[in-house]
C-alpha atoms as a PDB file:
ATOM      1  CA  GLN A   1      35.130 -26.727  70.420  1.00  0.00           C
ATOM      2  CA  VAL A   2      31.752 -26.365  71.134  1.00  0.00           C
ATOM      3  CA  ARG A   3      29.913 -29.794  71.106  1.00  0.00           C
ATOM      4  CA  LEU A   4      27.110 -31.532  73.812  1.00  0.00           C
ATOM      5  CA  VAL A   5      27.441 -34.608  74.757  1.00  0.00           C
ATOM      6  CA  GLU A   6      24.527 -36.969  75.986  1.00  0.00           C
ATOM      7  CA  SER A   7      24.295 -39.773  78.238  1.00  0.00           C
ATOM      8  CA  GLY A   8      22.398 -41.544  80.414  1.00  0.00           C
ATOM      9  CA  GLY A   9      19.670 -43.376  77.713  1.00  0.00           C
ATOM     10  CA  GLY A  10      19.031 -47.201  78.008  1.00  0.00           C
ATOM     11  CA  LEU A  11      17.055 -50.113  78.254  1.00  0.00           C
ATOM     12  CA  VAL A  12      13.889 -49.835  80.442  1.00  0.00           C
ATOM     13  CA  HIS A  13      10.412 -52.065  80.845  1.00  0.00           C
ATOM     14  CA  THR A  14       6.927 -49.670  80.596  1.00  0.00           C
ATOM     15  CA  GLY A  15       6.596 -48.372  83.325  1.00  0.00           C
ATOM     16  CA  GLY A  16      10.219 -47.299  84.060  1.00  0.00           C
ATOM     17  CA  SER A  17      11.924 -44.003  84.286  1.00  0.00           C
ATOM     18  CA  LEU A  18      15.221 -42.884  83.069  1.00  0.00           C
ATOM     19  CA  LYS A  19      17.371 -39.749  83.544  1.00  0.00           C
ATOM     20  CA  LEU A  20      19.026 -38.016  80.818  1.00  0.00           C
ATOM     21  CA  SER A  21      22.092 -35.876  80.427  1.00  0.00           C
ATOM     22  CA  CYS A  22      23.243 -33.319  78.533  1.00  0.00           C
ATOM     23  CA  SER A  23      26.784 -31.767  79.114  1.00  0.00           C
ATOM     24  CA  GLY A  24      27.724 -28.684  77.174  1.00  0.00           C
ATOM     25  CA  PHE A  25      31.553 -28.299  76.464  1.00  0.00           C
ATOM     26  CA  GLY A  26      33.473 -25.472  75.095  1.00  0.00           C
ATOM     27  CA  ARG A  27      31.581 -22.080  76.381  1.00  0.00           C
ATOM     28  CA  PRO A  28      28.642 -21.533  78.916  1.00  0.00           C
ATOM     29  CA  PHE A  29      25.413 -22.416  78.279  1.00  0.00           C
ATOM     30  CA  ASP A  30      23.749 -20.250  80.563  1.00  0.00           C
ATOM     31  CA  ASN A  31      22.432 -17.357  78.025  1.00  0.00           C
ATOM     32  CA  TYR A  32      20.895 -20.542  76.108  1.00  0.00           C
ATOM     33  CA  ALA A  33      17.651 -22.211  75.468  1.00  0.00           C
ATOM     34  CA  MET A  34      18.267 -26.255  75.814  1.00  0.00           C
ATOM     35  CA  ALA A  35      15.865 -28.380  74.458  1.00  0.00           C
ATOM     36  CA  TRP A  36      15.474 -32.721  73.876  1.00  0.00           C
ATOM     37  CA  PHE A  37      14.012 -33.528  70.647  1.00  0.00           C
ATOM     38  CA  ARG A  38      13.925 -37.448  70.000  1.00  0.00           C
ATOM     39  CA  GLN A  39      13.533 -39.475  66.803  1.00  0.00           C
ATOM     40  CA  GLY A  40      11.857 -43.151  66.882  1.00  0.00           C
ATOM     41  CA  PRO A  41      11.951 -45.525  64.216  1.00  0.00           C
ATOM     42  CA  GLY A  42      10.678 -44.570  60.996  1.00  0.00           C
ATOM     43  CA  ARG A  43       9.368 -41.419  62.447  1.00  0.00           C
ATOM     44  CA  ASP A  44      10.401 -37.579  61.693  1.00  0.00           C
ATOM     45  CA  ARG A  45      12.715 -35.962  64.610  1.00  0.00           C
ATOM     46  CA  GLU A  46      10.385 -34.207  67.240  1.00  0.00           C
ATOM     47  CA  PHE A  47      10.492 -31.994  70.104  1.00  0.00           C
ATOM     48  CA  VAL A  48      10.353 -33.308  73.542  1.00  0.00           C
ATOM     49  CA  ALA A  49      10.745 -30.649  76.064  1.00  0.00           C
ATOM     50  CA  ALA A  50      12.357 -26.574  76.635  1.00  0.00           C
ATOM     51  CA  VAL A  51      13.566 -25.108  79.171  1.00  0.00           C
ATOM     52  CA  SER A  52      14.153 -21.230  78.573  1.00  0.00           C
ATOM     53  CA  TRP A  53      17.796 -19.138  79.243  1.00  0.00           C
ATOM     54  CA  ASN A  54      15.346 -17.780  82.844  1.00  0.00           C
ATOM     55  CA  PHE A  55      13.666 -21.402  83.360  1.00  0.00           C
ATOM     56  CA  VAL A  56      10.432 -21.159  81.580  1.00  0.00           C
ATOM     57  CA  THR A  57       9.833 -25.136  80.591  1.00  0.00           C
ATOM     58  CA  TYR A  58       7.518 -25.790  77.768  1.00  0.00           C
ATOM     59  CA  TYR A  59       6.503 -29.889  76.849  1.00  0.00           C
ATOM     60  CA  SER A  60       4.986 -32.047  74.307  1.00  0.00           C
ATOM     61  CA  GLU A  61       1.321 -32.995  74.880  1.00  0.00           C
ATOM     62  CA  SER A  62       3.357 -36.876  75.418  1.00  0.00           C
ATOM     63  CA  ALA A  63       5.587 -35.111  77.639  1.00  0.00           C
ATOM     64  CA  LYS A  64       3.629 -33.399  79.947  1.00  0.00           C
ATOM     65  CA  GLY A  65       3.062 -34.805  83.443  1.00  0.00           C
ATOM     66  CA  ARG A  66       5.628 -37.755  82.946  1.00  0.00           C
ATOM     67  CA  PHE A  67       8.937 -35.991  81.891  1.00  0.00           C
ATOM     68  CA  THR A  68      10.723 -33.467  83.765  1.00  0.00           C
ATOM     69  CA  ILE A  69      13.116 -30.797  82.012  1.00  0.00           C
ATOM     70  CA  SER A  70      15.748 -28.979  84.152  1.00  0.00           C
ATOM     71  CA  ARG A  71      19.339 -27.259  84.159  1.00  0.00           C
ATOM     72  CA  ASP A  72      22.059 -26.804  86.386  1.00  0.00           C
ATOM     73  CA  ASP A  73      23.905 -23.864  84.391  1.00  0.00           C
ATOM     74  CA  ASN A  74      26.836 -24.497  87.203  1.00  0.00           C
ATOM     75  CA  LYS A  75      27.430 -27.907  85.686  1.00  0.00           C
ATOM     76  CA  ASN A  76      26.380 -26.463  82.038  1.00  0.00           C
ATOM     77  CA  THR A  77      24.338 -29.930  82.494  1.00  0.00           C
ATOM     78  CA  TYR A  78      20.733 -29.787  81.323  1.00  0.00           C
ATOM     79  CA  TYR A  79      18.799 -32.963  82.276  1.00  0.00           C
ATOM     80  CA  LEU A  80      15.418 -34.646  81.292  1.00  0.00           C
ATOM     81  CA  GLN A  81      13.904 -37.262  84.076  1.00  0.00           C
ATOM     82  CA  MET A  82      11.547 -39.193  82.058  1.00  0.00           C
ATOM     83  CA  ASN A  83       9.149 -41.355  84.335  1.00  0.00           C
ATOM     84  CA  ASN A  84       6.403 -43.950  83.112  1.00  0.00           C
ATOM     85  CA  LEU A  85       7.597 -44.794  80.292  1.00  0.00           C
ATOM     86  CA  ASN A  86       6.320 -46.611  77.286  1.00  0.00           C
ATOM     87  CA  PRO A  87       6.881 -48.529  73.899  1.00  0.00           C
ATOM     88  CA  GLU A  88       6.354 -45.158  71.985  1.00  0.00           C
ATOM     89  CA  ASP A  89       8.690 -43.224  73.738  1.00  0.00           C
ATOM     90  CA  THR A  90      11.680 -45.424  72.020  1.00  0.00           C
ATOM     91  CA  ALA A  91      13.981 -43.466  70.564  1.00  0.00           C
ATOM     92  CA  VAL A  92      17.453 -41.505  69.706  1.00  0.00           C
ATOM     93  CA  TYR A  93      17.342 -38.599  72.163  1.00  0.00           C
ATOM     94  CA  TYR A  94      18.957 -35.468  71.314  1.00  0.00           C
ATOM     95  CA  CYS A  95      20.108 -32.354  73.660  1.00  0.00           C
ATOM     96  CA  ALA A  96      20.145 -29.125  71.712  1.00  0.00           C
ATOM     97  CA  ALA A  97      20.707 -25.241  72.499  1.00  0.00           C
ATOM     98  CA  ASN A  98      19.404 -21.988  71.102  1.00  0.00           C
ATOM     99  CA  SER A  99      20.766 -18.601  71.902  1.00  0.00           C
ATOM    100  CA  ASP A 100      17.909 -16.334  70.609  1.00  0.00           C
ATOM    101  CA  ARG A 101      15.291 -15.030  72.456  1.00  0.00           C
ATOM    102  CA  VAL A 102      12.216 -16.719  71.624  1.00  0.00           C
ATOM    103  CA  ALA A 103       8.983 -17.123  72.806  1.00  0.00           C
ATOM    104  CA  THR A 104       8.883 -20.355  74.904  1.00  0.00           C
ATOM    105  CA  THR A 105       5.814 -21.907  72.112  1.00  0.00           C
ATOM    106  CA  GLU A 106       8.550 -21.295  69.324  1.00  0.00           C
ATOM    107  CA  LEU A 107      11.286 -23.561  71.118  1.00  0.00           C
ATOM    108  CA  THR A 108       9.492 -26.566  69.180  1.00  0.00           C
ATOM    109  CA  LYS A 109      11.260 -26.104  66.180  1.00  0.00           C
ATOM    110  CA  ASP A 110      14.264 -27.394  65.573  1.00  0.00           C
ATOM    111  CA  THR A 111      15.781 -25.220  62.929  1.00  0.00           C
ATOM    112  CA  LEU A 112      16.161 -22.740  65.921  1.00  0.00           C
ATOM    113  CA  TYR A 113      18.993 -24.452  67.501  1.00  0.00           C
ATOM    114  CA  ASP A 114      22.811 -23.842  66.946  1.00  0.00           C
ATOM    115  CA  TYR A 115      23.963 -26.748  68.462  1.00  0.00           C
ATOM    116  CA  TRP A 116      22.960 -30.542  68.937  1.00  0.00           C
ATOM    117  CA  GLY A 117      24.531 -33.327  70.462  1.00  0.00           C
ATOM    118  CA  GLN A 118      25.056 -37.010  69.128  1.00  0.00           C
ATOM    119  CA  GLY A 119      21.837 -38.540  70.454  1.00  0.00           C
ATOM    120  CA  THR A 120      21.734 -41.321  73.046  1.00  0.00           C
ATOM    121  CA  GLN A 121      19.068 -44.206  72.689  1.00  0.00           C
ATOM    122  CA  VAL A 122      16.480 -44.822  74.746  1.00  0.00           C
ATOM    123  CA  THR A 123      14.782 -48.173  74.408  1.00  0.00           C
ATOM    124  CA  VAL A 124      11.125 -49.198  76.208  1.00  0.00           C
ATOM    125  CA  SER A 125      10.295 -52.867  76.193  1.00  0.00           C
ATOM    126  CA  SER A 126       6.773 -54.112  76.709  1.00  0.00           C
END
């Protein structure tokens, strides 16, 4: 069974850091673009960051300069390092995998993604 499993969420204070992990099972994901999305309370799901199969990264405006996405294909594991967190970052964070070779800017579209994890909660207190 192909699945993605997120971990690393939790409760932090404003200004704190967390590192999320996304582990892939059931197939290799080295030819996939990997992304992180999030859904905060009362909000639609939104794009956070993506890394293409060839390691090109793309970030939302809110993530730029604070978050870093990375991939370790040897471990089939993908990461989101989040620094300088604030309460607006509070959300359930989801990782996703997309097999299409599209322009990096297209990776913001959640409809492109083939696989999704179950999500991990991140809560930032003020």
